[in-house]
């Protein structure tokens, strides 16, 4: 096992999760000041699918962390690389979509850029891990 790369991968997945949780937390901060964070198009009702999508989005990195601790099989390394690439595309898309929210919350953009850069580092490490087979 290449424990050095695996340890770095686990650390970067953890940073990703912290970044996304912090991103969600920042979005709720206006509530502390009595401001609304309501999405008018949904009329105060969150679609159940959104909860499931968020659960999946957060659960997959947690599963990747757990599997990476115990598994370094070549097939898993390839699957892992693919998942990191998918998450990078999703993070880039999310940051781009945040730029369309009016007014633009620049602190959220800065955080999403950090999460995206973290993801690129994760992609590079995952690629190195595949190359080490």
C-alpha atoms as a PDB file:
ATOM      1  CA  UNK A   1       0.000   0.000   0.000  1.00  0.00           C
ATOM      2  CA  UNK A   2       1.168   3.495  -0.777  1.00  0.00           C
ATOM      3  CA  UNK A   3       0.155   4.883   2.602  1.00  0.00           C
ATOM      4  CA  UNK A   4       1.626   8.307   1.920  1.00  0.00           C
ATOM      5  CA  UNK A   5      -0.602   8.927  -1.101  1.00  0.00           C
ATOM      6  CA  UNK A   6      -3.588   7.277   0.575  1.00  0.00           C
ATOM      7  CA  UNK A   7      -3.148   9.493   3.637  1.00  0.00           C
ATOM      8  CA  UNK A   8      -3.002  12.609   1.465  1.00  0.00           C
ATOM      9  CA  UNK A   9      -6.101  11.499  -0.455  1.00  0.00           C
ATOM     10  CA  UNK A  10      -7.996  10.975   2.802  1.00  0.00           C
ATOM     11  CA  UNK A  11      -6.891  14.403   4.043  1.00  0.00           C
ATOM     12  CA  UNK A  12      -8.025  16.119   0.830  1.00  0.00           C
ATOM     13  CA  UNK A  13     -11.405  14.347   0.864  1.00  0.00           C
ATOM     14  CA  UNK A  14     -11.793  15.547   4.465  1.00  0.00           C
ATOM     15  CA  UNK A  15     -10.939  19.117   3.454  1.00  0.00           C
ATOM     16  CA  UNK A  16     -13.500  18.834   0.654  1.00  0.00           C
ATOM     17  CA  UNK A  17     -16.197  17.728   3.097  1.00  0.00           C
ATOM     18  CA  UNK A  18     -15.352  20.540   5.529  1.00  0.00           C
ATOM     19  CA  UNK A  19     -15.480  23.027   2.659  1.00  0.00           C
ATOM     20  CA  UNK A  20     -18.887  21.857   1.486  1.00  0.00           C
ATOM     21  CA  UNK A  21     -20.338  21.809   4.998  1.00  0.00           C
ATOM     22  CA  UNK A  22     -18.930  25.291   5.552  1.00  0.00           C
ATOM     23  CA  UNK A  23     -20.434  26.383   2.206  1.00  0.00           C
ATOM     24  CA  UNK A  24     -23.862  25.220   3.421  1.00  0.00           C
ATOM     25  CA  UNK A  25     -23.327  26.852   6.801  1.00  0.00           C
ATOM     26  CA  UNK A  26     -22.359  30.176   5.222  1.00  0.00           C
ATOM     27  CA  UNK A  27     -25.555  30.099   3.172  1.00  0.00           C
ATOM     28  CA  UNK A  28     -27.551  29.910   6.415  1.00  0.00           C
ATOM     29  CA  UNK A  29     -25.713  32.752   8.194  1.00  0.00           C
ATOM     30  CA  UNK A  30     -28.235  35.440   7.125  1.00  0.00           C
ATOM     31  CA  UNK A  31     -30.824  33.648   9.290  1.00  0.00           C
ATOM     32  CA  UNK A  32     -28.900  34.813  12.370  1.00  0.00           C
ATOM     33  CA  UNK A  33     -29.554  38.388  11.299  1.00  0.00           C
ATOM     34  CA  UNK A  34     -33.234  37.882  10.543  1.00  0.00           C
ATOM     35  CA  UNK A  35     -32.775  37.756   6.788  1.00  0.00           C
ATOM     36  CA  UNK A  36     -34.560  35.275   4.560  1.00  0.00           C
ATOM     37  CA  UNK A  37     -32.649  32.551   2.759  1.00  0.00           C
ATOM     38  CA  UNK A  38     -35.804  31.305   1.081  1.00  0.00           C
ATOM     39  CA  UNK A  39     -35.707  30.260  -2.546  1.00  0.00           C
ATOM     40  CA  UNK A  40     -38.859  31.972  -3.881  1.00  0.00           C
ATOM     41  CA  UNK A  41     -39.452  29.461  -6.680  1.00  0.00           C
ATOM     42  CA  UNK A  42     -40.067  26.689  -4.125  1.00  0.00           C
ATOM     43  CA  UNK A  43     -42.625  28.595  -1.985  1.00  0.00           C
ATOM     44  CA  UNK A  44     -41.145  27.474   1.338  1.00  0.00           C
ATOM     45  CA  UNK A  45     -41.136  23.747   0.526  1.00  0.00           C
ATOM     46  CA  UNK A  46     -37.912  21.873  -0.220  1.00  0.00           C
ATOM     47  CA  UNK A  47     -38.397  19.050  -2.727  1.00  0.00           C
ATOM     48  CA  UNK A  48     -37.558  15.670  -1.125  1.00  0.00           C
ATOM     49  CA  UNK A  49     -35.178  14.960  -3.993  1.00  0.00           C
ATOM     50  CA  UNK A  50     -32.921  17.815  -2.840  1.00  0.00           C
ATOM     51  CA  UNK A  51     -32.347  16.142   0.550  1.00  0.00           C
ATOM     52  CA  UNK A  52     -31.495  12.857  -1.152  1.00  0.00           C
ATOM     53  CA  UNK A  53     -29.156  14.557  -3.609  1.00  0.00           C
ATOM     54  CA  UNK A  54     -27.328  16.313  -0.774  1.00  0.00           C
ATOM     55  CA  UNK A  55     -27.118  13.055   1.178  1.00  0.00           C
ATOM     56  CA  UNK A  56     -25.571  11.340  -1.827  1.00  0.00           C
ATOM     57  CA  UNK A  57     -23.211  14.230  -2.539  1.00  0.00           C
ATOM     58  CA  UNK A  58     -21.858  14.151   1.038  1.00  0.00           C
ATOM     59  CA  UNK A  59     -21.992  10.354   1.493  1.00  0.00           C
ATOM     60  CA  UNK A  60     -19.884   9.430  -1.526  1.00  0.00           C
ATOM     61  CA  UNK A  61     -16.742  11.217  -0.200  1.00  0.00           C
ATOM     62  CA  UNK A  62     -17.297   9.604   3.206  1.00  0.00           C
ATOM     63  CA  UNK A  63     -17.457   6.188   1.542  1.00  0.00           C
ATOM     64  CA  UNK A  64     -14.356   7.032  -0.530  1.00  0.00           C
ATOM     65  CA  UNK A  65     -12.464   7.912   2.653  1.00  0.00           C
ATOM     66  CA  UNK A  66     -13.458   4.657   4.346  1.00  0.00           C
ATOM     67  CA  UNK A  67     -12.636   2.493   1.334  1.00  0.00           C
ATOM     68  CA  UNK A  68      -9.315   4.277   0.742  1.00  0.00           C
ATOM     69  CA  UNK A  69      -8.264   3.401   4.295  1.00  0.00           C
ATOM     70  CA  UNK A  70      -8.646  -0.310   3.603  1.00  0.00           C
ATOM     71  CA  UNK A  71      -8.348  -0.819  -0.141  1.00  0.00           C
ATOM     72  CA  UNK A  72      -5.662  -0.022  -2.666  1.00  0.00           C
ATOM     73  CA  UNK A  73      -6.696  -2.469  -5.397  1.00  0.00           C
ATOM     74  CA  UNK A  74      -6.004  -1.279  -8.965  1.00  0.00           C
ATOM     75  CA  UNK A  75      -9.709  -1.364  -9.911  1.00  0.00           C
ATOM     76  CA  UNK A  76     -10.632   0.755  -6.891  1.00  0.00           C
ATOM     77  CA  UNK A  77      -7.882   3.253  -7.718  1.00  0.00           C
ATOM     78  CA  UNK A  78      -9.362   3.714 -11.209  1.00  0.00           C
ATOM     79  CA  UNK A  79     -12.904   4.067  -9.869  1.00  0.00           C
ATOM     80  CA  UNK A  80     -11.648   6.540  -7.271  1.00  0.00           C
ATOM     81  CA  UNK A  81      -9.929   8.640  -9.941  1.00  0.00           C
ATOM     82  CA  UNK A  82     -13.150   8.741 -11.937  1.00  0.00           C
ATOM     83  CA  UNK A  83     -15.158   9.846  -8.920  1.00  0.00           C
ATOM     84  CA  UNK A  84     -12.673  12.615  -8.100  1.00  0.00           C
ATOM     85  CA  UNK A  85     -12.966  13.843 -11.699  1.00  0.00           C
ATOM     86  CA  UNK A  86     -16.768  13.862 -11.486  1.00  0.00           C
ATOM     87  CA  UNK A  87     -16.604  15.856  -8.249  1.00  0.00           C
ATOM     88  CA  UNK A  88     -14.255  18.394  -9.839  1.00  0.00           C
ATOM     89  CA  UNK A  89     -16.713  18.937 -12.685  1.00  0.00           C
ATOM     90  CA  UNK A  90     -19.572  19.262 -10.182  1.00  0.00           C
ATOM     91  CA  UNK A  91     -17.593  21.735  -8.049  1.00  0.00           C
ATOM     92  CA  UNK A  92     -16.705  23.851 -11.072  1.00  0.00           C
ATOM     93  CA  UNK A  93     -20.357  23.840 -12.171  1.00  0.00           C
ATOM     94  CA  UNK A  94     -21.465  24.759  -8.654  1.00  0.00           C
ATOM     95  CA  UNK A  95     -19.031  27.691  -8.499  1.00  0.00           C
ATOM     96  CA  UNK A  96     -20.207  28.869 -11.937  1.00  0.00           C
ATOM     97  CA  UNK A  97     -23.837  28.637 -10.834  1.00  0.00           C
ATOM     98  CA  UNK A  98     -23.037  30.617  -7.677  1.00  0.00           C
ATOM     99  CA  UNK A  99     -21.857  33.405  -9.988  1.00  0.00           C
ATOM    100  CA  UNK A 100     -25.407  33.606 -11.379  1.00  0.00           C
ATOM    101  CA  UNK A 101     -27.011  34.205  -7.973  1.00  0.00           C
ATOM    102  CA  UNK A 102     -27.911  37.846  -7.470  1.00  0.00           C
ATOM    103  CA  UNK A 103     -26.415  39.449  -5.537  1.00  0.00           C
ATOM    104  CA  UNK A 104     -23.181  37.521  -5.952  1.00  0.00           C
ATOM    105  CA  UNK A 105     -21.903  36.363  -2.575  1.00  0.00           C
ATOM    106  CA  UNK A 106     -18.166  36.704  -3.152  1.00  0.00           C
ATOM    107  CA  UNK A 107     -17.260  34.900   0.078  1.00  0.00           C
ATOM    108  CA  UNK A 108     -19.142  31.855  -1.269  1.00  0.00           C
ATOM    109  CA  UNK A 109     -17.307  32.124  -4.585  1.00  0.00           C
ATOM    110  CA  UNK A 110     -13.968  32.313  -2.743  1.00  0.00           C
ATOM    111  CA  UNK A 111     -14.862  29.214  -0.719  1.00  0.00           C
ATOM    112  CA  UNK A 112     -16.000  27.295  -3.805  1.00  0.00           C
ATOM    113  CA  UNK A 113     -12.753  28.213  -5.582  1.00  0.00           C
ATOM    114  CA  UNK A 114     -10.826  26.819  -2.593  1.00  0.00           C
ATOM    115  CA  UNK A 115     -12.921  23.641  -2.707  1.00  0.00           C
ATOM    116  CA  UNK A 116     -12.350  23.379  -6.472  1.00  0.00           C
ATOM    117  CA  UNK A 117      -8.561  23.838  -6.127  1.00  0.00           C
ATOM    118  CA  UNK A 118      -8.587  21.219  -3.359  1.00  0.00           C
ATOM    119  CA  UNK A 119     -10.415  18.941  -5.809  1.00  0.00           C
ATOM    120  CA  UNK A 120      -7.791  19.500  -8.504  1.00  0.00           C
ATOM    121  CA  UNK A 121      -5.112  18.507  -5.975  1.00  0.00           C
ATOM    122  CA  UNK A 122      -7.204  15.429  -5.164  1.00  0.00           C
ATOM    123  CA  UNK A 123      -7.403  14.616  -8.905  1.00  0.00           C
ATOM    124  CA  UNK A 124      -3.630  14.865  -9.222  1.00  0.00           C
ATOM    125  CA  UNK A 125      -3.022  12.638  -6.215  1.00  0.00           C
ATOM    126  CA  UNK A 126      -5.611  10.121  -7.411  1.00  0.00           C
ATOM    127  CA  UNK A 127      -3.868  10.072 -10.801  1.00  0.00           C
ATOM    128  CA  UNK A 128      -0.488   9.507  -9.124  1.00  0.00           C
ATOM    129  CA  UNK A 129      -2.059   6.689  -7.098  1.00  0.00           C
ATOM    130  CA  UNK A 130      -3.262   5.035 -10.319  1.00  0.00           C
ATOM    131  CA  UNK A 131       0.173   5.495 -11.887  1.00  0.00           C
ATOM    132  CA  UNK A 132       1.795   3.768  -8.888  1.00  0.00           C
ATOM    133  CA  UNK A 133       0.110   0.455  -9.794  1.00  0.00           C
END
